[in-house]
Every structure is written in C-alpha cells, then in structure tokens.
C-alpha atoms as a PDB file:
ATOM      1  CA  UNK A   1      75.615 121.892 110.838  1.00  0.00           C
ATOM      2  CA  UNK A   2      76.731 122.936 114.479  1.00  0.00           C
ATOM      3  CA  UNK A   3      77.392 122.342 118.438  1.00  0.00           C
ATOM      4  CA  UNK A   4      74.982 124.083 120.905  1.00  0.00           C
ATOM      5  CA  UNK A   5      76.217 124.720 124.328  1.00  0.00           C
ATOM      6  CA  UNK A   6      72.964 124.044 126.420  1.00  0.00           C
ATOM      7  CA  UNK A   7      72.059 123.277 130.133  1.00  0.00           C
ATOM      8  CA  UNK A   8      70.676 120.224 130.482  1.00  0.00           C
ATOM      9  CA  UNK A   9      67.471 119.743 131.540  1.00  0.00           C
ATOM     10  CA  UNK A  10      66.157 122.902 129.435  1.00  0.00           C
ATOM     11  CA  UNK A  11      63.511 122.430 126.625  1.00  0.00           C
ATOM     12  CA  UNK A  12      65.341 121.213 123.463  1.00  0.00           C
ATOM     13  CA  UNK A  13      65.486 123.505 120.426  1.00  0.00           C
ATOM     14  CA  UNK A  14      64.361 122.221 116.939  1.00  0.00           C
ATOM     15  CA  UNK A  15      67.321 120.472 114.898  1.00  0.00           C
ATOM     16  CA  UNK A  16      69.458 120.459 118.265  1.00  0.00           C
ATOM     17  CA  UNK A  17      70.043 116.743 117.590  1.00  0.00           C
ATOM     18  CA  UNK A  18      71.353 114.451 120.135  1.00  0.00           C
ATOM     19  CA  UNK A  19      72.580 115.798 123.937  1.00  0.00           C
ATOM     20  CA  UNK A  20      75.776 114.527 125.098  1.00  0.00           C
ATOM     21  CA  UNK A  21      75.980 115.240 128.769  1.00  0.00           C
ATOM     22  CA  UNK A  22      79.368 116.439 130.077  1.00  0.00           C
ATOM     23  CA  UNK A  23      78.773 115.513 133.269  1.00  0.00           C
ATOM     24  CA  UNK A  24      80.371 113.860 136.029  1.00  0.00           C
ATOM     25  CA  UNK A  25      76.747 112.585 137.871  1.00  0.00           C
ATOM     26  CA  UNK A  26      73.756 111.508 136.136  1.00  0.00           C
ATOM     27  CA  UNK A  27      70.874 113.877 137.511  1.00  0.00           C
ATOM     28  CA  UNK A  28      69.337 113.110 140.710  1.00  0.00           C
ATOM     29  CA  UNK A  29      65.905 111.528 140.720  1.00  0.00           C
ATOM     30  CA  UNK A  30      65.668 111.054 137.121  1.00  0.00           C
ATOM     31  CA  UNK A  31      65.180 107.156 135.831  1.00  0.00           C
ATOM     32  CA  UNK A  32      67.951 106.409 133.281  1.00  0.00           C
ATOM     33  CA  UNK A  33      65.022 105.966 130.906  1.00  0.00           C
ATOM     34  CA  UNK A  34      63.710 109.069 131.586  1.00  0.00           C
ATOM     35  CA  UNK A  35      66.719 111.287 130.668  1.00  0.00           C
ATOM     36  CA  UNK A  36      66.555 111.911 127.249  1.00  0.00           C
ATOM     37  CA  UNK A  37      62.597 112.301 127.767  1.00  0.00           C
ATOM     38  CA  UNK A  38      63.031 115.079 130.482  1.00  0.00           C
ATOM     39  CA  UNK A  39      65.696 116.793 128.095  1.00  0.00           C
ATOM     40  CA  UNK A  40      68.829 116.201 130.306  1.00  0.00           C
ATOM     41  CA  UNK A  41      71.262 113.978 127.689  1.00  0.00           C
ATOM     42  CA  UNK A  42      70.879 111.094 125.297  1.00  0.00           C
ATOM     43  CA  UNK A  43      74.476 109.940 125.675  1.00  0.00           C
ATOM     44  CA  UNK A  44      76.766 110.332 128.853  1.00  0.00           C
ATOM     45  CA  UNK A  45      79.746 111.986 128.242  1.00  0.00           C
ATOM     46  CA  UNK A  46      81.619 111.905 131.541  1.00  0.00           C
ATOM     47  CA  UNK A  47      84.921 112.069 130.370  1.00  0.00           C
ATOM     48  CA  UNK A  48      84.567 115.811 129.243  1.00  0.00           C
ATOM     49  CA  UNK A  49      83.502 116.707 132.735  1.00  0.00           C
ATOM     50  CA  UNK A  50      85.604 117.853 135.517  1.00  0.00           C
ATOM     51  CA  UNK A  51      86.987 115.482 137.641  1.00  0.00           C
ATOM     52  CA  UNK A  52      84.917 115.305 141.563  1.00  0.00           C
ATOM     53  CA  UNK A  53      88.176 117.336 143.114  1.00  0.00           C
ATOM     54  CA  UNK A  54      87.424 120.480 139.973  1.00  0.00           C
ATOM     55  CA  UNK A  55      83.811 120.504 140.583  1.00  0.00           C
ATOM     56  CA  UNK A  56      84.234 120.848 143.968  1.00  0.00           C
ATOM     57  CA  UNK A  57      86.206 124.014 143.607  1.00  0.00           C
ATOM     58  CA  UNK A  58      84.099 125.063 140.794  1.00  0.00           C
ATOM     59  CA  UNK A  59      80.765 124.759 143.077  1.00  0.00           C
ATOM     60  CA  UNK A  60      82.503 126.541 145.842  1.00  0.00           C
ATOM     61  CA  UNK A  61      83.809 129.703 143.137  1.00  0.00           C
ATOM     62  CA  UNK A  62      82.620 132.807 144.760  1.00  0.00           C
ATOM     63  CA  UNK A  63      85.400 135.019 143.376  1.00  0.00           C
ATOM     64  CA  UNK A  64      87.032 135.343 140.046  1.00  0.00           C
ATOM     65  CA  UNK A  65      90.569 134.434 141.243  1.00  0.00           C
ATOM     66  CA  UNK A  66      88.948 131.159 142.466  1.00  0.00           C
ATOM     67  CA  UNK A  67      87.292 130.805 138.914  1.00  0.00           C
ATOM     68  CA  UNK A  68      90.580 131.193 137.153  1.00  0.00           C
ATOM     69  CA  UNK A  69      92.328 128.610 138.947  1.00  0.00           C
ATOM     70  CA  UNK A  70      89.442 126.381 138.093  1.00  0.00           C
ATOM     71  CA  UNK A  71      89.949 127.492 134.213  1.00  0.00           C
ATOM     72  CA  UNK A  72      93.623 126.832 134.342  1.00  0.00           C
ATOM     73  CA  UNK A  73      93.382 123.157 136.090  1.00  0.00           C
ATOM     74  CA  UNK A  74      90.031 122.414 133.824  1.00  0.00           C
ATOM     75  CA  UNK A  75      92.193 123.372 130.810  1.00  0.00           C
ATOM     76  CA  UNK A  76      95.153 121.420 131.664  1.00  0.00           C
ATOM     77  CA  UNK A  77      93.031 118.203 132.099  1.00  0.00           C
ATOM     78  CA  UNK A  78      91.368 118.900 128.450  1.00  0.00           C
ATOM     79  CA  UNK A  79      95.130 118.755 127.225  1.00  0.00           C
ATOM     80  CA  UNK A  80      95.205 115.398 128.135  1.00  0.00           C
ATOM     81  CA  UNK A  81      95.372 112.875 125.119  1.00  0.00           C
ATOM     82  CA  UNK A  82      92.111 111.322 126.137  1.00  0.00           C
ATOM     83  CA  UNK A  83      89.718 114.620 126.231  1.00  0.00           C
ATOM     84  CA  UNK A  84      92.056 116.286 123.209  1.00  0.00           C
ATOM     85  CA  UNK A  85      91.278 113.595 121.359  1.00  0.00           C
ATOM     86  CA  UNK A  86      87.421 113.470 122.488  1.00  0.00           C
ATOM     87  CA  UNK A  87      87.586 117.571 121.610  1.00  0.00           C
ATOM     88  CA  UNK A  88      89.017 117.130 118.250  1.00  0.00           C
ATOM     89  CA  UNK A  89      86.472 114.372 117.256  1.00  0.00           C
ATOM     90  CA  UNK A  90      83.178 116.672 118.659  1.00  0.00           C
ATOM     91  CA  UNK A  91      84.775 119.808 116.405  1.00  0.00           C
ATOM     92  CA  UNK A  92      84.902 117.511 113.412  1.00  0.00           C
ATOM     93  CA  UNK A  93      81.834 116.216 113.853  1.00  0.00           C
ATOM     94  CA  UNK A  94      80.220 119.991 114.234  1.00  0.00           C
ATOM     95  CA  UNK A  95      80.768 120.251 110.558  1.00  0.00           C
ATOM     96  CA  UNK A  96      78.696 117.596 109.661  1.00  0.00           C
ATOM     97  CA  UNK A  97      75.959 116.953 112.229  1.00  0.00           C
ATOM     98  CA  UNK A  98      73.969 118.948 114.854  1.00  0.00           C
ATOM     99  CA  UNK A  99      74.556 118.009 118.058  1.00  0.00           C
ATOM    100  CA  UNK A 100      74.803 119.949 121.585  1.00  0.00           C
ATOM    101  CA  UNK A 101      76.839 119.336 124.617  1.00  0.00           C
ATOM    102  CA  UNK A 102      75.811 120.537 127.907  1.00  0.00           C
ATOM    103  CA  UNK A 103      75.820 120.617 131.736  1.00  0.00           C
ATOM    104  CA  UNK A 104      73.407 121.410 134.740  1.00  0.00           C
ATOM    105  CA  UNK A 105      74.472 124.565 135.765  1.00  0.00           C
ATOM    106  CA  UNK A 106      72.304 127.883 135.303  1.00  0.00           C
ATOM    107  CA  UNK A 107      75.066 130.642 134.522  1.00  0.00           C
ATOM    108  CA  UNK A 108      77.774 129.444 131.520  1.00  0.00           C
ATOM    109  CA  UNK A 109      80.047 131.877 132.523  1.00  0.00           C
ATOM    110  CA  UNK A 110      80.560 130.190 135.940  1.00  0.00           C
ATOM    111  CA  UNK A 111      80.195 126.616 134.302  1.00  0.00           C
ATOM    112  CA  UNK A 112      82.802 124.424 132.872  1.00  0.00           C
ATOM    113  CA  UNK A 113      80.664 124.287 129.679  1.00  0.00           C
ATOM    114  CA  UNK A 114      82.283 127.748 128.700  1.00  0.00           C
ATOM    115  CA  UNK A 115      85.682 126.422 129.061  1.00  0.00           C
ATOM    116  CA  UNK A 116      84.570 123.620 126.650  1.00  0.00           C
ATOM    117  CA  UNK A 117      83.134 126.230 124.369  1.00  0.00           C
ATOM    118  CA  UNK A 118      86.748 128.013 124.276  1.00  0.00           C
ATOM    119  CA  UNK A 119      88.359 124.601 123.621  1.00  0.00           C
ATOM    120  CA  UNK A 120      86.030 123.482 120.535  1.00  0.00           C
ATOM    121  CA  UNK A 121      86.220 126.932 119.016  1.00  0.00           C
ATOM    122  CA  UNK A 122      90.056 126.781 119.338  1.00  0.00           C
ATOM    123  CA  UNK A 123      89.401 123.574 117.429  1.00  0.00           C
ATOM    124  CA  UNK A 124      87.486 125.701 114.748  1.00  0.00           C
ATOM    125  CA  UNK A 125      84.246 123.924 115.431  1.00  0.00           C
ATOM    126  CA  UNK A 126      80.962 125.272 114.483  1.00  0.00           C
ATOM    127  CA  UNK A 127      79.201 126.661 117.441  1.00  0.00           C
ATOM    128  CA  UNK A 128      75.740 128.181 117.441  1.00  0.00           C
END
C-alpha cells in the first residue's frame, strides 16, 4: 500500500487508487462530473494546497532564492494544526491503502507536491 505523487490530468497507473487533488482551484474548462473521468481527481483536497498568495509566488518563481522562500512559507503553512493532522492521516492511510495526491504542475521539483512528498516522508508515509 502506498501514496503516489502524480501530475493531475495524466493517465492513471494500475493500482493507483483514488486521486486527491491538492490544488487551490478545480481544472478550468472541465465539467465537475468529468474530473475523475479525465484523470484529474476523485476528491478535491484544497487544504493541502498553498494559499492564493503562495500560489502566485510559486508561479512567479524563476530563481532558486524565490523557490526557497516559497518552500519555507508553504512548509510553515503545513505545520498548522489542520494541515498537520491531514498529513498525519494520509501518512497513516498510506500503510493500508493505495491512493495518490497531485497537482497540475509539469515539474514536480518546482511544485508544492515536492514539499508534500518531503513532509509525508518525514511522517514515514509509504510512497511509491
């Protein structure tokens, strides 16, 4: 059992389980009934997405210093009680169920899902 970290909208892999969309906004131009069918997500989980201000900062990040600042601020956001409890829950579930979490960004290294991966690893989540 494990969590996969995925790019939303990419084809699902066998055994991936349900997708959790850790994004601030639903996909544009896609009907709500089609989110799962088009491999975006089955469940929307905006509580693990950066705040709107942080999203803007991440999207404008063109250098390492800006990205490190985003990383620090988003990591601090994830330490707040609601987000920390949610990460603890996902880490525990990863030991008994397959599921995936994701975002739309093409490059995981410049996406908040790389930070989610790190924070889940710190909680000893099973990650594929």
